Amino acid sequence: MQRRWLWLALAASLLPAVTSAQQAADACALMSRDEFQGLTGKPEFTDPTPMPWGGDGSVCGFGNGQILLLSGAESPAAFDRMLAGFGQQDLPRTPVEGLGDGAFALFFDPEDKYQDHGATVVFGAGPPTVAVTVYADEGQPAEAALPQAMAVAQAVATKLPPR
């Protein structure tokens, strides 16, 4: 859980600041607490927490995962810069089906027992670029959360405007 908020703070600092002419997309408008809970099978005790993400995005934080929505023209590069900021740019990208060209999954493992671990599904060649993360249960490998992350990502994809 500690690492989740560290990621949020660091990633927000790596992206351009919001200008008055820009309006960040609202990632929390893409999924309710009940829908996230139903798709993941994991209890959500509070409504998701919205947070601006740089100048052209937002994150919606759930208790068991998050949705990152980057809507700027350079959204794929912004996501890659975020990974690099955490030293995670070399994580293997596992292709996934059903979410368009270039969609992939990342799996992250905890560095200690207090950190979350799970699967992140990234799709959209930008804009927008969406990254859906679902945390794995304690004692389970990060890959165990992929089915739930895919379910959430597919539901989010149906709510995005057509390109």
N, C-alpha and C. Protein backbone atom coordinates (compact mmCIF):
# COMPACT_ATOMS: atom_id res chain seq x y z
N MET A 1 0.82 -1.18 0.00
CA MET A 1 0.00 0.00 0.00
C MET A 1 0.87 1.25 0.00
N GLN A 2 2.01 1.22 0.69
CA GLN A 2 2.90 2.37 0.71
C GLN A 2 3.36 2.70 -0.71
N ARG A 3 3.77 1.71 -1.46
CA ARG A 3 4.32 1.94 -2.78
C ARG A 3 3.28 2.55 -3.70
N ARG A 4 2.01 2.19 -3.55
CA ARG A 4 0.95 2.72 -4.40
C ARG A 4 0.97 4.24 -4.36
N TRP A 5 0.98 4.84 -3.19
CA TRP A 5 0.93 6.30 -3.09
C TRP A 5 2.25 6.92 -3.51
N LEU A 6 3.36 6.23 -3.30
CA LEU A 6 4.63 6.73 -3.78
C LEU A 6 4.61 6.80 -5.30
N TRP A 7 4.06 5.77 -5.95
CA TRP A 7 3.93 5.77 -7.41
C TRP A 7 3.09 6.95 -7.85
N LEU A 8 1.99 7.19 -7.19
CA LEU A 8 1.10 8.29 -7.56
C LEU A 8 1.81 9.63 -7.47
N ALA A 9 2.49 9.86 -6.39
CA ALA A 9 3.15 11.15 -6.19
C ALA A 9 4.29 11.34 -7.19
N LEU A 10 5.10 10.32 -7.37
CA LEU A 10 6.22 10.44 -8.30
C LEU A 10 5.73 10.60 -9.73
N ALA A 11 4.77 9.82 -10.13
CA ALA A 11 4.28 9.90 -11.51
C ALA A 11 3.66 11.26 -11.78
N ALA A 12 2.93 11.79 -10.84
CA ALA A 12 2.33 13.12 -11.04
C ALA A 12 3.41 14.17 -11.22
N SER A 13 4.54 14.01 -10.54
CA SER A 13 5.61 15.00 -10.68
C SER A 13 6.36 14.87 -11.99
N LEU A 14 6.27 13.74 -12.66
CA LEU A 14 6.99 13.52 -13.92
C LEU A 14 6.22 14.03 -15.12
N LEU A 15 4.96 14.30 -14.98
CA LEU A 15 4.13 14.72 -16.10
C LEU A 15 3.96 16.23 -16.08
N PRO A 16 3.63 16.84 -17.22
CA PRO A 16 3.47 18.29 -17.26
C PRO A 16 2.39 18.77 -16.30
N ALA A 17 2.54 19.98 -15.82
CA ALA A 17 1.55 20.56 -14.92
C ALA A 17 0.29 20.93 -15.68
N VAL A 18 -0.84 20.97 -14.96
CA VAL A 18 -2.11 21.34 -15.57
C VAL A 18 -2.09 22.84 -15.88
N THR A 19 -2.51 23.19 -17.07
CA THR A 19 -2.67 24.59 -17.42
C THR A 19 -4.16 24.89 -17.41
N SER A 20 -4.50 26.15 -17.36
CA SER A 20 -5.92 26.50 -17.29
C SER A 20 -6.66 26.08 -18.55
N ALA A 21 -5.95 25.91 -19.66
CA ALA A 21 -6.61 25.52 -20.91
C ALA A 21 -6.85 24.02 -21.00
N GLN A 22 -6.23 23.25 -20.10
CA GLN A 22 -6.37 21.80 -20.16
C GLN A 22 -7.36 21.31 -19.11
N GLN A 23 -8.08 20.30 -19.47
CA GLN A 23 -9.02 19.67 -18.54
C GLN A 23 -8.68 18.19 -18.51
N ALA A 24 -8.28 17.68 -17.36
CA ALA A 24 -7.92 16.27 -17.25
C ALA A 24 -9.17 15.40 -17.33
N ALA A 25 -9.03 14.28 -17.99
CA ALA A 25 -10.11 13.30 -18.04
C ALA A 25 -10.30 12.71 -16.64
N ASP A 26 -11.50 12.27 -16.34
CA ASP A 26 -11.80 11.73 -15.01
C ASP A 26 -11.84 10.21 -15.06
N ALA A 27 -10.78 9.58 -14.57
CA ALA A 27 -10.72 8.12 -14.58
C ALA A 27 -11.82 7.51 -13.72
N CYS A 28 -12.24 8.19 -12.67
CA CYS A 28 -13.28 7.64 -11.80
C CYS A 28 -14.65 7.62 -12.47
N ALA A 29 -14.82 8.38 -13.55
CA ALA A 29 -16.08 8.34 -14.28
C ALA A 29 -16.22 7.04 -15.08
N LEU A 30 -15.13 6.30 -15.19
CA LEU A 30 -15.14 5.07 -15.99
C LEU A 30 -15.64 3.84 -15.24
N MET A 31 -15.62 3.89 -13.90
CA MET A 31 -16.01 2.70 -13.15
C MET A 31 -16.41 3.05 -11.72
N SER A 32 -17.51 2.48 -11.29
CA SER A 32 -17.96 2.67 -9.91
C SER A 32 -17.30 1.64 -9.00
N ARG A 33 -17.41 1.91 -7.72
CA ARG A 33 -16.90 0.97 -6.72
C ARG A 33 -17.58 -0.39 -6.87
N ASP A 34 -18.91 -0.40 -7.04
CA ASP A 34 -19.63 -1.66 -7.16
C ASP A 34 -19.21 -2.44 -8.40
N GLU A 35 -19.00 -1.73 -9.50
CA GLU A 35 -18.58 -2.41 -10.72
C GLU A 35 -17.18 -2.99 -10.57
N PHE A 36 -16.26 -2.22 -9.99
CA PHE A 36 -14.90 -2.72 -9.77
C PHE A 36 -14.93 -3.95 -8.87
N GLN A 37 -15.70 -3.87 -7.81
CA GLN A 37 -15.82 -4.99 -6.88
C GLN A 37 -16.41 -6.21 -7.58
N GLY A 38 -17.42 -6.01 -8.40
CA GLY A 38 -18.04 -7.13 -9.10
C GLY A 38 -17.10 -7.80 -10.09
N LEU A 39 -16.29 -7.01 -10.77
CA LEU A 39 -15.38 -7.55 -11.77
C LEU A 39 -14.15 -8.23 -11.16
N THR A 40 -13.72 -7.73 -10.01
CA THR A 40 -12.52 -8.30 -9.39
C THR A 40 -12.83 -9.36 -8.34
N GLY A 41 -14.06 -9.32 -7.80
CA GLY A 41 -14.39 -10.24 -6.71
C GLY A 41 -13.73 -9.87 -5.40
N LYS A 42 -13.19 -8.65 -5.34
CA LYS A 42 -12.50 -8.18 -4.13
C LYS A 42 -13.34 -7.09 -3.47
N PRO A 43 -13.48 -7.12 -2.15
CA PRO A 43 -14.31 -6.12 -1.48
C PRO A 43 -13.73 -4.72 -1.57
N GLU A 44 -14.59 -3.76 -1.85
CA GLU A 44 -14.22 -2.34 -1.86
C GLU A 44 -15.08 -1.67 -0.80
N PHE A 45 -14.45 -1.12 0.21
CA PHE A 45 -15.19 -0.59 1.35
C PHE A 45 -15.51 0.90 1.24
N THR A 46 -14.82 1.59 0.34
CA THR A 46 -15.07 3.02 0.17
C THR A 46 -15.15 3.35 -1.31
N ASP A 47 -15.68 4.51 -1.62
CA ASP A 47 -15.70 4.96 -3.01
C ASP A 47 -14.27 5.21 -3.46
N PRO A 48 -14.03 5.09 -4.76
CA PRO A 48 -12.67 5.31 -5.26
C PRO A 48 -12.23 6.76 -5.06
N THR A 49 -10.93 6.94 -4.98
CA THR A 49 -10.34 8.25 -4.76
C THR A 49 -9.81 8.79 -6.08
N PRO A 50 -10.37 9.90 -6.57
CA PRO A 50 -9.85 10.51 -7.80
C PRO A 50 -8.65 11.41 -7.50
N MET A 51 -7.72 11.48 -8.45
CA MET A 51 -6.56 12.35 -8.30
C MET A 51 -6.09 12.80 -9.68
N PRO A 52 -5.84 14.10 -9.85
CA PRO A 52 -5.29 14.56 -11.13
C PRO A 52 -3.93 13.90 -11.37
N TRP A 53 -3.61 13.69 -12.63
CA TRP A 53 -2.37 13.02 -12.98
C TRP A 53 -1.69 13.85 -14.05
N GLY A 54 -0.80 14.74 -13.63
CA GLY A 54 -0.14 15.60 -14.59
C GLY A 54 -1.15 16.53 -15.24
N GLY A 55 -0.85 16.97 -16.43
CA GLY A 55 -1.70 17.92 -17.10
C GLY A 55 -2.84 17.34 -17.88
N ASP A 56 -2.77 16.05 -18.17
CA ASP A 56 -3.76 15.50 -19.09
C ASP A 56 -4.22 14.11 -18.70
N GLY A 57 -4.33 13.89 -17.41
CA GLY A 57 -4.78 12.58 -16.99
C GLY A 57 -5.29 12.59 -15.57
N SER A 58 -5.75 11.42 -15.15
CA SER A 58 -6.19 11.25 -13.78
C SER A 58 -6.05 9.79 -13.40
N VAL A 59 -6.05 9.56 -12.11
CA VAL A 59 -6.02 8.20 -11.58
C VAL A 59 -7.21 8.05 -10.66
N CYS A 60 -7.77 6.86 -10.67
CA CYS A 60 -8.88 6.52 -9.80
C CYS A 60 -8.41 5.39 -8.90
N GLY A 61 -8.20 5.68 -7.63
CA GLY A 61 -7.65 4.70 -6.70
C GLY A 61 -8.73 3.94 -5.96
N PHE A 62 -8.73 2.64 -6.15
CA PHE A 62 -9.61 1.73 -5.41
C PHE A 62 -8.78 1.06 -4.32
N GLY A 63 -9.42 0.39 -3.40
CA GLY A 63 -8.69 -0.32 -2.37
C GLY A 63 -7.86 -1.47 -2.91
N ASN A 64 -8.30 -2.04 -4.03
CA ASN A 64 -7.64 -3.23 -4.58
C ASN A 64 -7.10 -3.00 -5.98
N GLY A 65 -6.87 -1.75 -6.34
CA GLY A 65 -6.31 -1.46 -7.65
C GLY A 65 -6.51 -0.02 -8.02
N GLN A 66 -6.27 0.28 -9.29
CA GLN A 66 -6.44 1.64 -9.77
C GLN A 66 -6.62 1.66 -11.27
N ILE A 67 -7.16 2.79 -11.76
CA ILE A 67 -7.28 3.04 -13.18
C ILE A 67 -6.58 4.35 -13.46
N LEU A 68 -5.62 4.32 -14.36
CA LEU A 68 -4.90 5.51 -14.80
C LEU A 68 -5.36 5.83 -16.21
N LEU A 69 -5.80 7.06 -16.42
CA LEU A 69 -6.28 7.51 -17.73
C LEU A 69 -5.43 8.70 -18.16
N LEU A 70 -4.64 8.52 -19.21
CA LEU A 70 -3.83 9.59 -19.78
C LEU A 70 -4.44 9.97 -21.12
N SER A 71 -4.82 11.23 -21.27
CA SER A 71 -5.56 11.61 -22.45
C SER A 71 -4.80 12.51 -23.41
N GLY A 72 -3.58 12.89 -23.10
CA GLY A 72 -2.81 13.77 -23.97
C GLY A 72 -2.30 13.07 -25.21
N ALA A 73 -1.89 13.86 -26.19
CA ALA A 73 -1.39 13.33 -27.45
C ALA A 73 -0.18 12.44 -27.25
N GLU A 74 0.60 12.69 -26.24
CA GLU A 74 1.81 11.91 -25.96
C GLU A 74 1.59 10.91 -24.82
N SER A 75 0.37 10.42 -24.68
CA SER A 75 0.06 9.57 -23.53
C SER A 75 0.89 8.28 -23.46
N PRO A 76 1.18 7.59 -24.56
CA PRO A 76 2.04 6.40 -24.42
C PRO A 76 3.43 6.76 -23.89
N ALA A 77 4.00 7.85 -24.37
CA ALA A 77 5.32 8.28 -23.90
C ALA A 77 5.26 8.70 -22.43
N ALA A 78 4.17 9.34 -22.02
CA ALA A 78 4.01 9.74 -20.62
C ALA A 78 3.98 8.51 -19.72
N PHE A 79 3.30 7.45 -20.17
CA PHE A 79 3.27 6.22 -19.37
C PHE A 79 4.68 5.63 -19.28
N ASP A 80 5.40 5.60 -20.39
CA ASP A 80 6.76 5.07 -20.37
C ASP A 80 7.67 5.89 -19.46
N ARG A 81 7.51 7.22 -19.45
CA ARG A 81 8.31 8.06 -18.55
C ARG A 81 7.99 7.75 -17.09
N MET A 82 6.72 7.48 -16.81
CA MET A 82 6.34 7.13 -15.45
C MET A 82 7.05 5.85 -15.02
N LEU A 83 7.03 4.83 -15.87
CA LEU A 83 7.72 3.58 -15.54
C LEU A 83 9.20 3.83 -15.30
N ALA A 84 9.82 4.62 -16.18
CA ALA A 84 11.24 4.91 -16.04
C ALA A 84 11.52 5.64 -14.73
N GLY A 85 10.61 6.50 -14.31
CA GLY A 85 10.78 7.22 -13.05
C GLY A 85 10.84 6.30 -11.85
N PHE A 86 10.24 5.12 -11.98
CA PHE A 86 10.27 4.13 -10.91
C PHE A 86 11.34 3.08 -11.15
N GLY A 87 12.12 3.26 -12.22
CA GLY A 87 13.14 2.26 -12.55
C GLY A 87 12.53 0.97 -13.05
N GLN A 88 11.30 1.03 -13.57
CA GLN A 88 10.59 -0.17 -14.00
C GLN A 88 10.45 -0.25 -15.52
N GLN A 89 11.23 0.53 -16.25
CA GLN A 89 11.10 0.57 -17.71
C GLN A 89 11.46 -0.75 -18.38
N ASP A 90 12.16 -1.62 -17.68
CA ASP A 90 12.56 -2.90 -18.27
C ASP A 90 11.65 -4.06 -17.90
N LEU A 91 10.55 -3.79 -17.22
CA LEU A 91 9.60 -4.86 -16.92
C LEU A 91 9.16 -5.51 -18.23
N PRO A 92 9.10 -6.83 -18.28
CA PRO A 92 8.62 -7.49 -19.51
C PRO A 92 7.17 -7.10 -19.79
N ARG A 93 6.90 -6.85 -21.06
CA ARG A 93 5.55 -6.50 -21.51
C ARG A 93 4.96 -7.72 -22.20
N THR A 94 3.95 -8.29 -21.56
CA THR A 94 3.30 -9.49 -22.06
C THR A 94 2.09 -9.09 -22.89
N PRO A 95 2.07 -9.37 -24.20
CA PRO A 95 0.92 -8.99 -25.02
C PRO A 95 -0.37 -9.62 -24.50
N VAL A 96 -1.47 -8.85 -24.59
CA VAL A 96 -2.79 -9.36 -24.23
C VAL A 96 -3.73 -9.16 -25.41
N GLU A 97 -4.72 -10.00 -25.51
CA GLU A 97 -5.69 -9.98 -26.61
C GLU A 97 -6.95 -9.22 -26.21
N GLY A 98 -7.63 -8.69 -27.22
CA GLY A 98 -8.96 -8.14 -27.02
C GLY A 98 -9.02 -6.67 -26.67
N LEU A 99 -7.86 -6.00 -26.59
CA LEU A 99 -7.85 -4.59 -26.23
C LEU A 99 -7.11 -3.73 -27.27
N GLY A 100 -6.95 -4.26 -28.46
CA GLY A 100 -6.34 -3.50 -29.53
C GLY A 100 -4.85 -3.75 -29.67
N ASP A 101 -4.32 -3.22 -30.75
CA ASP A 101 -2.90 -3.37 -31.03
C ASP A 101 -2.05 -2.75 -29.93
N GLY A 102 -1.00 -3.44 -29.57
CA GLY A 102 -0.07 -2.92 -28.59
C GLY A 102 -0.47 -3.08 -27.14
N ALA A 103 -1.62 -3.67 -26.85
CA ALA A 103 -2.04 -3.86 -25.45
C ALA A 103 -1.11 -4.88 -24.79
N PHE A 104 -0.78 -4.63 -23.53
CA PHE A 104 0.14 -5.52 -22.83
C PHE A 104 -0.15 -5.52 -21.33
N ALA A 105 0.43 -6.50 -20.67
CA ALA A 105 0.33 -6.60 -19.21
C ALA A 105 1.73 -6.48 -18.61
N LEU A 106 1.78 -5.87 -17.45
CA LEU A 106 2.99 -5.79 -16.63
C LEU A 106 2.68 -6.47 -15.30
N PHE A 107 3.65 -7.14 -14.75
CA PHE A 107 3.47 -7.78 -13.45
C PHE A 107 4.53 -7.22 -12.50
N PHE A 108 4.09 -6.77 -11.34
CA PHE A 108 5.03 -6.22 -10.38
C PHE A 108 4.92 -6.97 -9.07
N ASP A 109 6.09 -7.25 -8.51
CA ASP A 109 6.18 -7.98 -7.26
C ASP A 109 6.63 -7.03 -6.15
N PRO A 110 6.25 -7.32 -4.93
CA PRO A 110 6.62 -6.43 -3.83
C PRO A 110 8.10 -6.56 -3.48
N GLU A 111 8.66 -5.46 -3.02
CA GLU A 111 10.02 -5.49 -2.52
C GLU A 111 10.04 -5.85 -1.04
N ASP A 112 8.90 -5.68 -0.38
CA ASP A 112 8.77 -6.10 1.01
C ASP A 112 7.29 -6.43 1.27
N LYS A 113 7.00 -6.93 2.46
CA LYS A 113 5.65 -7.41 2.74
C LYS A 113 4.61 -6.30 2.83
N TYR A 114 5.02 -5.05 2.85
CA TYR A 114 4.08 -3.94 2.96
C TYR A 114 3.67 -3.35 1.62
N GLN A 115 4.24 -3.84 0.55
CA GLN A 115 3.94 -3.29 -0.77
C GLN A 115 2.93 -4.16 -1.51
N ASP A 116 2.12 -3.48 -2.32
CA ASP A 116 1.17 -4.18 -3.17
C ASP A 116 1.90 -4.86 -4.31
N HIS A 117 1.28 -5.89 -4.84
CA HIS A 117 1.79 -6.54 -6.05
C HIS A 117 0.60 -6.95 -6.88
N GLY A 118 0.79 -7.06 -8.19
CA GLY A 118 -0.33 -7.42 -9.03
C GLY A 118 -0.05 -7.27 -10.50
N ALA A 119 -1.13 -7.11 -11.25
CA ALA A 119 -1.06 -7.03 -12.71
C ALA A 119 -1.60 -5.68 -13.17
N THR A 120 -0.92 -5.11 -14.16
CA THR A 120 -1.37 -3.88 -14.81
C THR A 120 -1.57 -4.18 -16.29
N VAL A 121 -2.74 -3.85 -16.80
CA VAL A 121 -3.04 -4.02 -18.22
C VAL A 121 -3.06 -2.62 -18.83
N VAL A 122 -2.26 -2.44 -19.88
CA VAL A 122 -2.12 -1.14 -20.55
C VAL A 122 -2.66 -1.28 -21.96
N PHE A 123 -3.52 -0.34 -22.36
CA PHE A 123 -4.06 -0.40 -23.72
C PHE A 123 -4.32 1.01 -24.23
N GLY A 124 -4.53 1.08 -25.54
CA GLY A 124 -4.73 2.36 -26.20
C GLY A 124 -3.39 2.88 -26.67
N ALA A 125 -3.24 3.06 -27.95
CA ALA A 125 -1.98 3.57 -28.48
C ALA A 125 -1.91 5.08 -28.33
N GLY A 126 -2.90 5.64 -27.66
CA GLY A 126 -2.92 7.05 -27.33
C GLY A 126 -3.45 7.93 -28.43
N PRO A 127 -4.06 9.01 -28.04
CA PRO A 127 -4.77 9.10 -26.77
C PRO A 127 -6.12 8.39 -26.83
N PRO A 128 -6.66 7.96 -25.78
CA PRO A 128 -6.03 7.89 -24.47
C PRO A 128 -5.19 6.62 -24.32
N THR A 129 -4.39 6.64 -23.28
CA THR A 129 -3.69 5.44 -22.83
C THR A 129 -4.27 5.13 -21.46
N VAL A 130 -4.66 3.88 -21.26
CA VAL A 130 -5.27 3.46 -20.01
C VAL A 130 -4.42 2.36 -19.39
N ALA A 131 -4.19 2.45 -18.10
CA ALA A 131 -3.48 1.41 -17.35
C ALA A 131 -4.38 1.00 -16.18
N VAL A 132 -4.80 -0.25 -16.18
CA VAL A 132 -5.66 -0.79 -15.13
C VAL A 132 -4.83 -1.74 -14.29
N THR A 133 -4.78 -1.48 -13.00
CA THR A 133 -4.04 -2.33 -12.08
C THR A 133 -5.00 -2.98 -11.10
N VAL A 134 -4.81 -4.28 -10.88
CA VAL A 134 -5.52 -5.00 -9.83
C VAL A 134 -4.46 -5.70 -8.99
N TYR A 135 -4.56 -5.54 -7.69
CA TYR A 135 -3.58 -6.12 -6.78
C TYR A 135 -3.89 -7.60 -6.55
N ALA A 136 -2.84 -8.38 -6.49
CA ALA A 136 -2.97 -9.82 -6.21
C ALA A 136 -3.19 -10.02 -4.71
N ASP A 137 -3.85 -11.12 -4.38
CA ASP A 137 -4.05 -11.46 -2.98
C ASP A 137 -2.72 -11.85 -2.34
N GLU A 138 -2.63 -11.62 -1.04
CA GLU A 138 -1.43 -12.00 -0.31
C GLU A 138 -1.13 -13.48 -0.51
N GLY A 139 0.12 -13.77 -0.77
CA GLY A 139 0.53 -15.15 -0.99
C GLY A 139 0.37 -15.64 -2.42
N GLN A 140 -0.25 -14.84 -3.27
CA GLN A 140 -0.44 -15.20 -4.67
C GLN A 140 0.58 -14.46 -5.54
N PRO A 141 0.98 -15.06 -6.66
CA PRO A 141 1.89 -14.34 -7.57
C PRO A 141 1.15 -13.18 -8.24
N ALA A 142 1.90 -12.21 -8.70
CA ALA A 142 1.32 -11.05 -9.37
C ALA A 142 0.44 -11.46 -10.55
N GLU A 143 0.85 -12.49 -11.27
CA GLU A 143 0.12 -12.96 -12.45
C GLU A 143 -1.29 -13.44 -12.11
N ALA A 144 -1.52 -13.79 -10.86
CA ALA A 144 -2.86 -14.27 -10.46
C ALA A 144 -3.92 -13.18 -10.61
N ALA A 145 -3.52 -11.92 -10.64
CA ALA A 145 -4.48 -10.82 -10.76
C ALA A 145 -4.79 -10.48 -12.22
N LEU A 146 -4.15 -11.14 -13.18
CA LEU A 146 -4.38 -10.79 -14.59
C LEU A 146 -5.83 -10.98 -15.03
N PRO A 147 -6.52 -12.06 -14.70
CA PRO A 147 -7.91 -12.19 -15.16
C PRO A 147 -8.80 -11.03 -14.69
N GLN A 148 -8.62 -10.61 -13.45
CA GLN A 148 -9.42 -9.50 -12.93
C GLN A 148 -9.02 -8.18 -13.60
N ALA A 149 -7.72 -7.97 -13.81
CA ALA A 149 -7.27 -6.75 -14.48
C ALA A 149 -7.79 -6.70 -15.91
N MET A 150 -7.82 -7.84 -16.58
CA MET A 150 -8.36 -7.88 -17.95
C MET A 150 -9.85 -7.56 -17.94
N ALA A 151 -10.59 -8.10 -16.98
CA ALA A 151 -12.03 -7.85 -16.91
C ALA A 151 -12.31 -6.36 -16.70
N VAL A 152 -11.56 -5.73 -15.81
CA VAL A 152 -11.74 -4.30 -15.57
C VAL A 152 -11.35 -3.51 -16.83
N ALA A 153 -10.22 -3.86 -17.44
CA ALA A 153 -9.76 -3.15 -18.64
C ALA A 153 -10.78 -3.26 -19.77
N GLN A 154 -11.35 -4.44 -19.97
CA GLN A 154 -12.33 -4.61 -21.02
C GLN A 154 -13.60 -3.80 -20.75
N ALA A 155 -14.01 -3.72 -19.50
CA ALA A 155 -15.18 -2.91 -19.15
C ALA A 155 -14.88 -1.42 -19.36
N VAL A 156 -13.69 -0.99 -18.99
CA VAL A 156 -13.30 0.41 -19.21
C VAL A 156 -13.26 0.72 -20.71
N ALA A 157 -12.72 -0.19 -21.49
CA ALA A 157 -12.60 0.04 -22.94
C ALA A 157 -13.96 0.31 -23.59
N THR A 158 -15.00 -0.32 -23.08
CA THR A 158 -16.34 -0.11 -23.67
C THR A 158 -16.88 1.28 -23.36
N LYS A 159 -16.31 1.95 -22.38
CA LYS A 159 -16.79 3.27 -21.97
C LYS A 159 -16.02 4.42 -22.61
N LEU A 160 -14.96 4.09 -23.33
CA LEU A 160 -14.16 5.14 -23.97
C LEU A 160 -14.78 5.52 -25.30
N PRO A 161 -14.64 6.76 -25.71
CA PRO A 161 -15.18 7.15 -27.01
C PRO A 161 -14.45 6.43 -28.13
N PRO A 162 -15.15 6.12 -29.22
CA PRO A 162 -14.49 5.44 -30.34
C PRO A 162 -13.42 6.35 -30.95
N ARG A 163 -12.41 5.72 -31.50
CA ARG A 163 -11.34 6.50 -32.13
C ARG A 163 -11.60 6.67 -33.59
